[in-house]
PDB file of N, CA and C in Angstrom:
ATOM      1  N   UNK A   1       4.264  -1.055  21.809  1.00  0.00           N
ATOM      2  CA  UNK A   1       4.213  -2.428  21.653  1.00  0.00           C
ATOM      3  C   UNK A   1       4.767  -2.778  22.221  1.00  0.00           C
ATOM      4  N   UNK A   2       4.093  -4.731  23.171  1.00  0.00           N
ATOM      5  CA  UNK A   2       4.464  -5.307  23.759  1.00  0.00           C
ATOM      6  C   UNK A   2       4.518  -6.676  24.494  1.00  0.00           C
ATOM      7  N   UNK A   3       4.703  -7.901  24.018  1.00  0.00           N
ATOM      8  CA  UNK A   3       4.693  -9.091  23.975  1.00  0.00           C
ATOM      9  C   UNK A   3       5.080  -9.516  25.075  1.00  0.00           C
ATOM     10  N   UNK A   4       3.706 -11.035  25.164  1.00  0.00           N
ATOM     11  CA  UNK A   4       4.045 -11.835  26.423  1.00  0.00           C
ATOM     12  C   UNK A   4       4.654 -12.539  26.211  1.00  0.00           C
ATOM     13  N   UNK A   5       5.086 -13.934  27.621  1.00  0.00           N
ATOM     14  CA  UNK A   5       5.627 -14.782  27.218  1.00  0.00           C
ATOM     15  C   UNK A   5       4.715 -15.264  26.245  1.00  0.00           C
ATOM     16  N   UNK A   6       4.127 -15.939  26.250  1.00  0.00           N
ATOM     17  CA  UNK A   6       3.565 -16.501  24.835  1.00  0.00           C
ATOM     18  C   UNK A   6       3.870 -16.161  23.768  1.00  0.00           C
ATOM     19  N   UNK A   7       3.688 -14.828  23.610  1.00  0.00           N
ATOM     20  CA  UNK A   7       4.057 -14.896  22.745  1.00  0.00           C
ATOM     21  C   UNK A   7       5.173 -14.764  21.802  1.00  0.00           C
ATOM     22  N   UNK A   8       6.239 -14.077  22.516  1.00  0.00           N
ATOM     23  CA  UNK A   8       7.944 -14.603  23.022  1.00  0.00           C
ATOM     24  C   UNK A   8       8.155 -15.285  22.053  1.00  0.00           C
ATOM     25  N   UNK A   9       7.635 -16.844  23.282  1.00  0.00           N
ATOM     26  CA  UNK A   9       7.870 -18.096  23.127  1.00  0.00           C
ATOM     27  C   UNK A   9       7.456 -18.611  21.721  1.00  0.00           C
ATOM     28  N   UNK A  10       7.036 -18.501  21.421  1.00  0.00           N
ATOM     29  CA  UNK A  10       5.950 -18.736  20.006  1.00  0.00           C
ATOM     30  C   UNK A  10       7.262 -18.223  18.723  1.00  0.00           C
ATOM     31  N   UNK A  11       7.286 -17.254  18.592  1.00  0.00           N
ATOM     32  CA  UNK A  11       7.635 -16.175  18.097  1.00  0.00           C
ATOM     33  C   UNK A  11       9.236 -16.572  17.771  1.00  0.00           C
ATOM     34  N   UNK A  12      10.603 -16.960  19.390  1.00  0.00           N
ATOM     35  CA  UNK A  12      11.477 -17.411  19.297  1.00  0.00           C
ATOM     36  C   UNK A  12      11.186 -18.801  18.352  1.00  0.00           C
ATOM     37  N   UNK A  13      10.326 -19.801  18.305  1.00  0.00           N
ATOM     38  CA  UNK A  13      10.583 -20.911  18.289  1.00  0.00           C
ATOM     39  C   UNK A  13      10.310 -21.054  16.865  1.00  0.00           C
ATOM     40  N   UNK A  14       9.789 -20.010  16.095  1.00  0.00           N
ATOM     41  CA  UNK A  14       9.292 -19.899  14.557  1.00  0.00           C
ATOM     42  C   UNK A  14      10.729 -18.758  14.318  1.00  0.00           C
ATOM     43  N   UNK A  15      10.514 -18.287  14.264  1.00  0.00           N
ATOM     44  CA  UNK A  15      12.197 -17.424  13.971  1.00  0.00           C
ATOM     45  C   UNK A  15      13.571 -18.001  13.961  1.00  0.00           C
ATOM     46  N   UNK A  16      13.238 -19.048  14.713  1.00  0.00           N
ATOM     47  CA  UNK A  16      14.477 -19.947  14.971  1.00  0.00           C
ATOM     48  C   UNK A  16      14.664 -21.170  13.708  1.00  0.00           C
ATOM     49  N   UNK A  17      13.505 -21.390  12.763  1.00  0.00           N
ATOM     50  CA  UNK A  17      13.213 -22.463  11.830  1.00  0.00           C
ATOM     51  C   UNK A  17      13.277 -21.639  11.004  1.00  0.00           C
ATOM     52  N   UNK A  18      13.403 -20.989  10.871  1.00  0.00           N
ATOM     53  CA  UNK A  18      13.527 -19.411   9.203  1.00  0.00           C
ATOM     54  C   UNK A  18      14.054 -18.500   9.516  1.00  0.00           C
ATOM     55  N   UNK A  19      14.552 -18.147   7.941  1.00  0.00           N
ATOM     56  CA  UNK A  19      15.385 -17.565   7.412  1.00  0.00           C
ATOM     57  C   UNK A  19      15.731 -16.290   7.740  1.00  0.00           C
ATOM     58  N   UNK A  20      14.313 -15.919   7.985  1.00  0.00           N
ATOM     59  CA  UNK A  20      14.054 -14.790   7.881  1.00  0.00           C
ATOM     60  C   UNK A  20      13.681 -14.424   9.254  1.00  0.00           C
ATOM     61  N   UNK A  21      14.893 -13.463  10.279  1.00  0.00           N
ATOM     62  CA  UNK A  21      14.897 -13.325  11.457  1.00  0.00           C
ATOM     63  C   UNK A  21      13.942 -12.229  12.053  1.00  0.00           C
ATOM     64  N   UNK A  22      13.087 -11.250  11.591  1.00  0.00           N
ATOM     65  CA  UNK A  22      12.444  -9.363  11.573  1.00  0.00           C
ATOM     66  C   UNK A  22      10.661 -10.351  11.762  1.00  0.00           C
ATOM     67  N   UNK A  23      10.216  -9.727  12.589  1.00  0.00           N
ATOM     68  CA  UNK A  23       8.861  -9.854  12.284  1.00  0.00           C
ATOM     69  C   UNK A  23       8.285  -8.616  12.301  1.00  0.00           C
ATOM     70  N   UNK A  24       7.897  -8.506  10.698  1.00  0.00           N
ATOM     71  CA  UNK A  24       7.374  -6.920   9.934  1.00  0.00           C
ATOM     72  C   UNK A  24       5.780  -6.768  10.077  1.00  0.00           C
ATOM     73  N   UNK A  25       5.630  -5.658  10.416  1.00  0.00           N
ATOM     74  CA  UNK A  25       4.186  -4.998  10.641  1.00  0.00           C
ATOM     75  C   UNK A  25       4.135  -4.483   9.349  1.00  0.00           C
ATOM     76  N   UNK A  26       3.441  -3.893   9.071  1.00  0.00           N
ATOM     77  CA  UNK A  26       3.334  -3.137   6.979  1.00  0.00           C
ATOM     78  C   UNK A  26       1.753  -2.813   6.741  1.00  0.00           C
ATOM     79  N   UNK A  27       1.879  -2.447   5.527  1.00  0.00           N
ATOM     80  CA  UNK A  27       0.084  -1.291   5.325  1.00  0.00           C
ATOM     81  C   UNK A  27       0.024  -2.294   4.130  1.00  0.00           C
ATOM     82  N   UNK A  28      -1.262  -2.527   4.147  1.00  0.00           N
ATOM     83  CA  UNK A  28      -1.950  -2.995   2.311  1.00  0.00           C
ATOM     84  C   UNK A  28      -2.287  -2.066   2.359  1.00  0.00           C
ATOM     85  N   UNK A  29      -3.067  -2.024   1.415  1.00  0.00           N
ATOM     86  CA  UNK A  29      -3.629  -0.803   0.762  1.00  0.00           C
ATOM     87  C   UNK A  29      -5.226  -1.365   0.604  1.00  0.00           C
ATOM     88  N   UNK A  30      -6.348  -1.158   0.986  1.00  0.00           N
ATOM     89  CA  UNK A  30      -7.558  -1.596   1.292  1.00  0.00           C
ATOM     90  C   UNK A  30      -9.042  -0.034   0.571  1.00  0.00           C
ATOM     91  N   UNK A  31      -9.592  -0.443   0.059  1.00  0.00           N
ATOM     92  CA  UNK A  31     -11.061   0.032  -0.088  1.00  0.00           C
ATOM     93  C   UNK A  31     -11.169   1.583   1.110  1.00  0.00           C
ATOM     94  N   UNK A  32     -10.916   1.057   1.981  1.00  0.00           N
ATOM     95  CA  UNK A  32     -11.091   2.019   3.319  1.00  0.00           C
ATOM     96  C   UNK A  32      -9.953   2.945   3.875  1.00  0.00           C
ATOM     97  N   UNK A  33      -8.933   2.182   3.671  1.00  0.00           N
ATOM     98  CA  UNK A  33      -7.732   2.668   4.487  1.00  0.00           C
ATOM     99  C   UNK A  33      -6.931   1.413   4.643  1.00  0.00           C
ATOM    100  N   UNK A  34      -6.329   1.211   5.388  1.00  0.00           N
ATOM    101  CA  UNK A  34      -4.873   1.088   5.727  1.00  0.00           C
ATOM    102  C   UNK A  34      -4.630  -0.468   6.088  1.00  0.00           C
ATOM    103  N   UNK A  35      -4.789  -0.946   5.516  1.00  0.00           N
ATOM    104  CA  UNK A  35      -5.211  -2.826   6.735  1.00  0.00           C
ATOM    105  C   UNK A  35      -3.862  -3.224   6.953  1.00  0.00           C
ATOM    106  N   UNK A  36      -3.492  -3.645   8.102  1.00  0.00           N
ATOM    107  CA  UNK A  36      -2.416  -4.012   9.035  1.00  0.00           C
ATOM    108  C   UNK A  36      -2.298  -5.546   8.586  1.00  0.00           C
ATOM    109  N   UNK A  37      -0.701  -6.374   7.774  1.00  0.00           N
ATOM    110  CA  UNK A  37      -0.402  -7.009   7.378  1.00  0.00           C
ATOM    111  C   UNK A  37       1.217  -7.642   8.090  1.00  0.00           C
ATOM    112  N   UNK A  38       1.055  -8.448   8.725  1.00  0.00           N
ATOM    113  CA  UNK A  38       2.168  -8.814   9.585  1.00  0.00           C
ATOM    114  C   UNK A  38       2.430 -10.298   8.795  1.00  0.00           C
ATOM    115  N   UNK A  39       4.454 -10.273   9.409  1.00  0.00           N
ATOM    116  CA  UNK A  39       4.589 -11.270   8.483  1.00  0.00           C
ATOM    117  C   UNK A  39       6.490 -11.420   9.277  1.00  0.00           C
ATOM    118  N   UNK A  40       7.084 -12.776   8.909  1.00  0.00           N
ATOM    119  CA  UNK A  40       8.961 -12.657   8.656  1.00  0.00           C
ATOM    120  C   UNK A  40       8.927 -12.031   7.692  1.00  0.00           C
ATOM    121  N   UNK A  41       9.399 -10.891   7.731  1.00  0.00           N
ATOM    122  CA  UNK A  41       9.855 -10.381   6.262  1.00  0.00           C
ATOM    123  C   UNK A  41      11.023  -9.264   6.998  1.00  0.00           C
ATOM    124  N   UNK A  42      12.101  -9.281   5.715  1.00  0.00           N
ATOM    125  CA  UNK A  42      13.835  -8.244   6.155  1.00  0.00           C
ATOM    126  C   UNK A  42      12.564  -7.100   6.171  1.00  0.00           C
ATOM    127  N   UNK A  43      13.213  -6.014   6.498  1.00  0.00           N
ATOM    128  CA  UNK A  43      13.070  -4.501   7.272  1.00  0.00           C
ATOM    129  C   UNK A  43      13.100  -3.686   6.173  1.00  0.00           C
ATOM    130  N   UNK A  44      12.388  -3.247   5.609  1.00  0.00           N
ATOM    131  CA  UNK A  44      12.207  -1.962   4.156  1.00  0.00           C
ATOM    132  C   UNK A  44      13.092  -1.437   5.113  1.00  0.00           C
ATOM    133  N   UNK A  45      14.177  -0.246   4.073  1.00  0.00           N
ATOM    134  CA  UNK A  45      14.224   0.920   4.105  1.00  0.00           C
ATOM    135  C   UNK A  45      13.554   1.974   5.437  1.00  0.00           C
ATOM    136  N   UNK A  46      12.314   2.058   4.894  1.00  0.00           N
ATOM    137  CA  UNK A  46      11.972   3.466   5.312  1.00  0.00           C
ATOM    138  C   UNK A  46      10.924   2.843   6.838  1.00  0.00           C
ATOM    139  N   UNK A  47      11.316   1.547   7.620  1.00  0.00           N
ATOM    140  CA  UNK A  47      10.551   0.882   8.920  1.00  0.00           C
ATOM    141  C   UNK A  47      11.582   1.618   9.517  1.00  0.00           C
ATOM    142  N   UNK A  48      10.535   1.599  11.020  1.00  0.00           N
ATOM    143  CA  UNK A  48      11.281   1.395  12.271  1.00  0.00           C
ATOM    144  C   UNK A  48      11.852  -0.234  12.758  1.00  0.00           C
ATOM    145  N   UNK A  49      12.472  -0.145  13.147  1.00  0.00           N
ATOM    146  CA  UNK A  49      13.260  -1.583  14.018  1.00  0.00           C
ATOM    147  C   UNK A  49      13.095  -1.042  15.072  1.00  0.00           C
ATOM    148  N   UNK A  50      13.086  -1.878  16.019  1.00  0.00           N
ATOM    149  CA  UNK A  50      13.186  -2.222  17.629  1.00  0.00           C
ATOM    150  C   UNK A  50      12.760  -3.557  18.522  1.00  0.00           C
ATOM    151  N   UNK A  51      13.732  -3.396  18.864  1.00  0.00           N
ATOM    152  CA  UNK A  51      13.796  -5.173  19.806  1.00  0.00           C
ATOM    153  C   UNK A  51      12.770  -4.664  20.759  1.00  0.00           C
ATOM    154  N   UNK A  52      12.280  -5.798  21.028  1.00  0.00           N
ATOM    155  CA  UNK A  52      10.887  -6.158  21.710  1.00  0.00           C
ATOM    156  C   UNK A  52      11.571  -7.270  22.395  1.00  0.00           C
ATOM    157  N   UNK A  53      11.753  -7.415  23.877  1.00  0.00           N
ATOM    158  CA  UNK A  53      11.683  -8.216  24.732  1.00  0.00           C
ATOM    159  C   UNK A  53      12.704  -9.415  23.452  1.00  0.00           C
ATOM    160  N   UNK A  54      14.064  -9.475  23.371  1.00  0.00           N
ATOM    161  CA  UNK A  54      14.922  -9.579  22.001  1.00  0.00           C
ATOM    162  C   UNK A  54      14.278 -10.110  21.282  1.00  0.00           C
ATOM    163  N   UNK A  55      13.134 -10.125  20.646  1.00  0.00           N
ATOM    164  CA  UNK A  55      12.114 -10.077  18.910  1.00  0.00           C
ATOM    165  C   UNK A  55      12.494  -9.373  18.575  1.00  0.00           C
ATOM    166  N   UNK A  56      12.918  -9.183  16.846  1.00  0.00           N
ATOM    167  CA  UNK A  56      13.835  -8.050  16.354  1.00  0.00           C
ATOM    168  C   UNK A  56      12.475  -7.663  15.524  1.00  0.00           C
ATOM    169  N   UNK A  57      11.703  -6.379  15.298  1.00  0.00           N
ATOM    170  CA  UNK A  57      10.386  -6.289  14.714  1.00  0.00           C
ATOM    171  C   UNK A  57      10.223  -4.741  14.075  1.00  0.00           C
ATOM    172  N   UNK A  58      10.481  -4.783  12.805  1.00  0.00           N
ATOM    173  CA  UNK A  58      10.157  -3.694  11.761  1.00  0.00           C
ATOM    174  C   UNK A  58       8.631  -3.320  12.156  1.00  0.00           C
ATOM    175  N   UNK A  59       8.758  -1.619  11.575  1.00  0.00           N
ATOM    176  CA  UNK A  59       7.071  -1.449  11.384  1.00  0.00           C
ATOM    177  C   UNK A  59       7.347  -0.265  10.619  1.00  0.00           C
ATOM    178  N   UNK A  60       6.203  -0.299   9.767  1.00  0.00           N
ATOM    179  CA  UNK A  60       6.108   0.840   8.507  1.00  0.00           C
ATOM    180  C   UNK A  60       5.223   2.010   9.009  1.00  0.00           C
ATOM    181  N   UNK A  61       5.844   2.992   8.943  1.00  0.00           N
ATOM    182  CA  UNK A  61       5.255   4.400   9.188  1.00  0.00           C
ATOM    183  C   UNK A  61       3.901   4.665   9.419  1.00  0.00           C
ATOM    184  N   UNK A  62       3.440   3.448   8.491  1.00  0.00           N
ATOM    185  CA  UNK A  62       1.546   3.919   7.740  1.00  0.00           C
ATOM    186  C   UNK A  62       0.970   3.126   8.446  1.00  0.00           C
ATOM    187  N   UNK A  63       1.728   1.919   9.375  1.00  0.00           N
ATOM    188  CA  UNK A  63       0.242   1.539  10.556  1.00  0.00           C
ATOM    189  C   UNK A  63       1.266   2.075  12.034  1.00  0.00           C
ATOM    190  N   UNK A  64       1.966   2.712  12.210  1.00  0.00           N
ATOM    191  CA  UNK A  64       2.808   2.530  12.998  1.00  0.00           C
ATOM    192  C   UNK A  64       1.366   2.705  14.258  1.00  0.00           C
ATOM    193  N   UNK A  65       1.058   3.709  14.361  1.00  0.00           N
ATOM    194  CA  UNK A  65       0.079   4.472  14.809  1.00  0.00           C
ATOM    195  C   UNK A  65      -1.281   3.440  15.433  1.00  0.00           C
ATOM    196  N   UNK A  66      -1.696   2.268  14.209  1.00  0.00           N
ATOM    197  CA  UNK A  66      -2.686   1.337  14.780  1.00  0.00           C
ATOM    198  C   UNK A  66      -1.867   0.139  15.599  1.00  0.00           C
ATOM    199  N   UNK A  67      -0.522   0.624  15.754  1.00  0.00           N
ATOM    200  CA  UNK A  67       0.039  -0.718  16.857  1.00  0.00           C
ATOM    201  C   UNK A  67      -0.298   0.052  18.297  1.00  0.00           C
ATOM    202  N   UNK A  68       0.040   0.647  18.690  1.00  0.00           N
ATOM    203  CA  UNK A  68       0.555   1.959  19.743  1.00  0.00           C
ATOM    204  C   UNK A  68      -0.485   0.580  20.369  1.00  0.00           C
ATOM    205  N   UNK A  69       0.733   0.783  22.202  1.00  0.00           N
ATOM    206  CA  UNK A  69      -0.778  -0.361  23.106  1.00  0.00           C
ATOM    207  C   UNK A  69      -1.512  -1.631  22.258  1.00  0.00           C
ATOM    208  N   UNK A  70      -0.393  -2.193  21.602  1.00  0.00           N
ATOM    209  CA  UNK A  70      -0.717  -3.606  21.049  1.00  0.00           C
ATOM    210  C   UNK A  70       0.283  -4.408  21.775  1.00  0.00           C
ATOM    211  N   UNK A  71       0.229  -5.408  22.476  1.00  0.00           N
ATOM    212  CA  UNK A  71       0.805  -6.681  22.759  1.00  0.00           C
ATOM    213  C   UNK A  71       0.920  -7.880  21.934  1.00  0.00           C
ATOM    214  N   UNK A  72       1.999  -7.399  21.581  1.00  0.00           N
ATOM    215  CA  UNK A  72       1.729  -9.261  20.357  1.00  0.00           C
ATOM    216  C   UNK A  72       2.049 -10.769  21.710  1.00  0.00           C
ATOM    217  N   UNK A  73       0.643 -11.503  21.313  1.00  0.00           N
ATOM    218  CA  UNK A  73       0.357 -12.769  22.607  1.00  0.00           C
ATOM    219  C   UNK A  73       0.252 -13.615  21.631  1.00  0.00           C
ATOM    220  N   UNK A  74       0.487 -15.278  22.227  1.00  0.00           N
ATOM    221  CA  UNK A  74       0.383 -16.455  21.285  1.00  0.00           C
ATOM    222  C   UNK A  74      -0.775 -17.459  21.789  1.00  0.00           C
ATOM    223  N   UNK A  75      -2.192 -17.813  20.554  1.00  0.00           N
ATOM    224  CA  UNK A  75      -3.247 -17.948  21.697  1.00  0.00           C
ATOM    225  C   UNK A  75      -3.104 -19.943  21.099  1.00  0.00           C
ATOM    226  N   UNK A  76      -3.345 -20.834  21.740  1.00  0.00           N
ATOM    227  CA  UNK A  76      -3.800 -22.169  20.661  1.00  0.00           C
ATOM    228  C   UNK A  76      -5.140 -22.018  21.176  1.00  0.00           C
ATOM    229  N   UNK A  77      -5.329 -22.285  19.710  1.00  0.00           N
ATOM    230  CA  UNK A  77      -7.467 -22.861  18.850  1.00  0.00           C
ATOM    231  C   UNK A  77      -7.361 -23.716  18.527  1.00  0.00           C
ATOM    232  N   UNK A  78      -8.364 -24.668  18.243  1.00  0.00           N
ATOM    233  CA  UNK A  78      -8.028 -25.956  17.639  1.00  0.00           C
ATOM    234  C   UNK A  78      -6.776 -26.631  17.400  1.00  0.00           C
ATOM    235  N   UNK A  79      -5.814 -27.172  18.491  1.00  0.00           N
ATOM    236  CA  UNK A  79      -4.521 -27.310  18.383  1.00  0.00           C
ATOM    237  C   UNK A  79      -3.567 -26.915  17.170  1.00  0.00           C
ATOM    238  N   UNK A  80      -4.337 -25.589  17.164  1.00  0.00           N
ATOM    239  CA  UNK A  80      -3.486 -24.515  16.387  1.00  0.00           C
ATOM    240  C   UNK A  80      -2.955 -23.210  17.048  1.00  0.00           C
ATOM    241  N   UNK A  81      -1.647 -23.242  17.124  1.00  0.00           N
ATOM    242  CA  UNK A  81      -0.328 -21.668  17.216  1.00  0.00           C
ATOM    243  C   UNK A  81      -0.834 -20.716  16.759  1.00  0.00           C
ATOM    244  N   UNK A  82      -0.928 -19.390  17.613  1.00  0.00           N
ATOM    245  CA  UNK A  82      -1.113 -18.334  16.473  1.00  0.00           C
ATOM    246  C   UNK A  82      -1.282 -17.236  17.543  1.00  0.00           C
ATOM    247  N   UNK A  83      -1.231 -16.540  16.323  1.00  0.00           N
ATOM    248  CA  UNK A  83      -1.076 -14.378  16.609  1.00  0.00           C
ATOM    249  C   UNK A  83      -1.677 -14.029  17.141  1.00  0.00           C
ATOM    250  N   UNK A  84      -2.038 -13.473  17.742  1.00  0.00           N
ATOM    251  CA  UNK A  84      -2.567 -12.573  18.626  1.00  0.00           C
ATOM    252  C   UNK A  84      -2.668 -10.558  19.051  1.00  0.00           C
ATOM    253  N   UNK A  85      -2.915 -10.053  18.672  1.00  0.00           N
ATOM    254  CA  UNK A  85      -2.823  -9.331  18.270  1.00  0.00           C
ATOM    255  C   UNK A  85      -3.450  -7.992  19.305  1.00  0.00           C
ATOM    256  N   UNK A  86      -3.244  -8.438  20.455  1.00  0.00           N
ATOM    257  CA  UNK A  86      -3.801  -8.023  22.094  1.00  0.00           C
ATOM    258  C   UNK A  86      -4.079  -6.807  21.592  1.00  0.00           C
ATOM    259  N   UNK A  87      -5.489  -5.607  21.634  1.00  0.00           N
ATOM    260  CA  UNK A  87      -5.124  -4.224  21.778  1.00  0.00           C
ATOM    261  C   UNK A  87      -5.718  -3.373  20.180  1.00  0.00           C
ATOM    262  N   UNK A  88      -5.202  -4.406  19.515  1.00  0.00           N
ATOM    263  CA  UNK A  88      -5.911  -4.441  17.704  1.00  0.00           C
ATOM    264  C   UNK A  88      -6.752  -4.277  17.885  1.00  0.00           C
ATOM    265  N   UNK A  89      -7.310  -2.865  17.009  1.00  0.00           N
ATOM    266  CA  UNK A  89      -8.708  -2.437  16.395  1.00  0.00           C
ATOM    267  C   UNK A  89      -8.982  -2.391  15.141  1.00  0.00           C
ATOM    268  N   UNK A  90      -9.147  -3.278  14.233  1.00  0.00           N
ATOM    269  CA  UNK A  90      -9.474  -3.132  12.182  1.00  0.00           C
ATOM    270  C   UNK A  90      -9.666  -1.898  12.475  1.00  0.00           C
ATOM    271  N   UNK A  91      -9.648  -1.295  11.089  1.00  0.00           N
ATOM    272  CA  UNK A  91      -9.950  -0.722  10.558  1.00  0.00           C
ATOM    273  C   UNK A  91     -10.808  -0.631   9.469  1.00  0.00           C
ATOM    274  N   UNK A  92     -12.606  -0.118   9.641  1.00  0.00           N
ATOM    275  CA  UNK A  92     -13.588  -0.808   8.594  1.00  0.00           C
ATOM    276  C   UNK A  92     -14.347   0.303   7.523  1.00  0.00           C
ATOM    277  N   UNK A  93     -14.700   0.385   6.737  1.00  0.00           N
ATOM    278  CA  UNK A  93     -15.385   0.866   6.304  1.00  0.00           C
ATOM    279  C   UNK A  93     -16.365   1.857   6.745  1.00  0.00           C
TER     280      UNK A  93
END
């Protein structure tokens, strides 16, 4: 997993304004497979914690394989900035 300059700058701003300083990727059980969830949350005991370009990231082992080759990016659309996972392909039924 990597992070773009835009992703890093956006996350630094968001994390600076938050009490929680960890970006966490986790699994959400779905009807066919595990869906990917992401948010600012404290890491769980079973998470793999890595620092990517100064950003603390916790990854639930159940979604780790889904994040291989993914770049965390931030993009503006309609005046709103949000995260985009470049290279991520969601699973479906």
